[in-house]
Amino acid sequence: AFVLPKSMKAQDVAQEIKKSGGALLQSVEIFDVFEGGNLPADHVSVAYKMIFQDMNETLTEEKLAATQNLIVSSVEKKLSVKVR
């Protein structure tokens, strides 16, 4: 999940996830939106479901973790949002 300003489109984050996920990322979709709690009033938490698959070999934990880390760092850097 990423915490984003309410003014930002959740779909823009999904597009950046797709761009940075590479060939292993098969799909991404929004599955939960949360506001309130300890989030700033002008922010929302959006959770994304991602499906990964390596078509050429067994997907290892190391390869998956590296791809997930790349996605998080790319989204945080390019869109100035934080992972929740």
Protein backbone atom coordinates (compact mmCIF):
# COMPACT_ATOMS: atom_id res chain seq x y z
CA ALA A 1 0.00 0.00 0.00
CA PHE A 2 1.09 3.54 -0.72
CA VAL A 3 0.03 6.72 1.05
CA LEU A 4 -0.84 9.35 -1.52
CA PRO A 5 -2.44 12.76 -1.58
CA LYS A 6 -6.15 12.62 -2.34
CA SER A 7 -5.44 14.82 -5.35
CA MET A 8 -3.34 12.05 -6.95
CA LYS A 9 -5.03 9.39 -9.06
CA ALA A 10 -4.50 5.87 -7.73
CA GLN A 11 -4.33 4.73 -11.35
CA ASP A 12 -1.20 6.87 -11.87
CA VAL A 13 0.52 4.83 -9.16
CA ALA A 14 -0.70 1.60 -10.79
CA GLN A 15 0.82 2.74 -14.09
CA GLU A 16 4.19 3.41 -12.44
CA ILE A 17 4.02 -0.01 -10.77
CA LYS A 18 3.46 -1.57 -14.20
CA LYS A 19 6.37 0.36 -15.73
CA SER A 20 8.83 -0.58 -13.00
CA GLY A 21 7.63 -4.18 -12.51
CA GLY A 22 9.16 -5.42 -15.73
CA ALA A 23 8.43 -8.77 -17.33
CA LEU A 24 7.76 -10.52 -14.01
CA LEU A 25 4.73 -8.37 -13.19
CA GLN A 26 1.70 -9.98 -14.82
CA SER A 27 -1.02 -7.76 -13.35
CA VAL A 28 -1.71 -4.99 -10.86
CA GLU A 29 -5.04 -3.89 -9.44
CA ILE A 30 -6.33 -1.74 -6.60
CA PHE A 31 -7.91 -3.85 -3.87
CA ASP A 32 -8.31 -1.49 -0.91
CA VAL A 33 -8.58 2.22 -0.21
CA PHE A 34 -8.35 3.55 3.36
CA GLU A 35 -8.60 7.03 4.77
CA GLY A 36 -8.75 8.28 8.31
CA GLY A 37 -6.99 6.73 11.26
CA ASN A 38 -3.53 8.21 11.63
CA LEU A 39 -3.29 9.34 7.99
CA PRO A 40 -3.19 13.07 7.27
CA ALA A 41 -6.64 14.41 6.34
CA ASP A 42 -5.58 15.12 2.77
CA HIS A 43 -4.08 11.65 2.17
CA VAL A 44 -5.37 8.16 1.43
CA SER A 45 -3.79 4.69 1.61
CA VAL A 46 -4.23 2.62 -1.54
CA ALA A 47 -3.31 -1.08 -1.57
CA TYR A 48 -2.39 -2.82 -4.80
CA LYS A 49 -2.58 -6.52 -5.61
CA MET A 50 0.32 -7.60 -7.83
CA ILE A 51 0.74 -10.95 -9.53
CA PHE A 52 4.25 -12.01 -10.51
CA GLN A 53 5.30 -14.89 -12.74
CA ASP A 54 8.50 -15.83 -14.49
CA MET A 55 7.65 -17.49 -17.79
CA ASN A 56 11.14 -18.96 -18.21
CA GLU A 57 12.02 -20.44 -14.82
CA THR A 58 10.87 -20.84 -11.25
CA LEU A 59 10.44 -17.47 -9.60
CA THR A 60 12.77 -17.30 -6.60
CA GLU A 61 12.23 -15.30 -3.43
CA GLU A 62 15.36 -13.30 -4.19
CA LYS A 63 14.18 -12.33 -7.67
CA LEU A 64 10.71 -11.47 -6.37
CA ALA A 65 12.08 -9.36 -3.51
CA ALA A 66 14.41 -7.49 -5.89
CA THR A 67 11.51 -6.70 -8.22
CA GLN A 68 9.28 -5.58 -5.35
CA ASN A 69 12.05 -3.34 -3.98
CA LEU A 70 12.54 -1.82 -7.43
CA ILE A 71 8.80 -1.09 -7.69
CA VAL A 72 8.65 0.55 -4.25
CA SER A 73 11.73 2.70 -4.80
CA SER A 74 10.58 3.75 -8.28
CA VAL A 75 7.08 4.71 -7.12
CA GLU A 76 8.40 6.57 -4.07
CA LYS A 77 11.00 8.48 -6.10
CA LYS A 78 8.99 9.32 -9.22
CA LEU A 79 5.67 10.10 -7.54
CA SER A 80 6.86 11.35 -4.13
CA VAL A 81 4.66 8.95 -2.17
CA LYS A 82 5.53 6.60 0.67
CA VAL A 83 4.91 2.93 1.17
CA ARG A 84 2.61 2.24 4.10
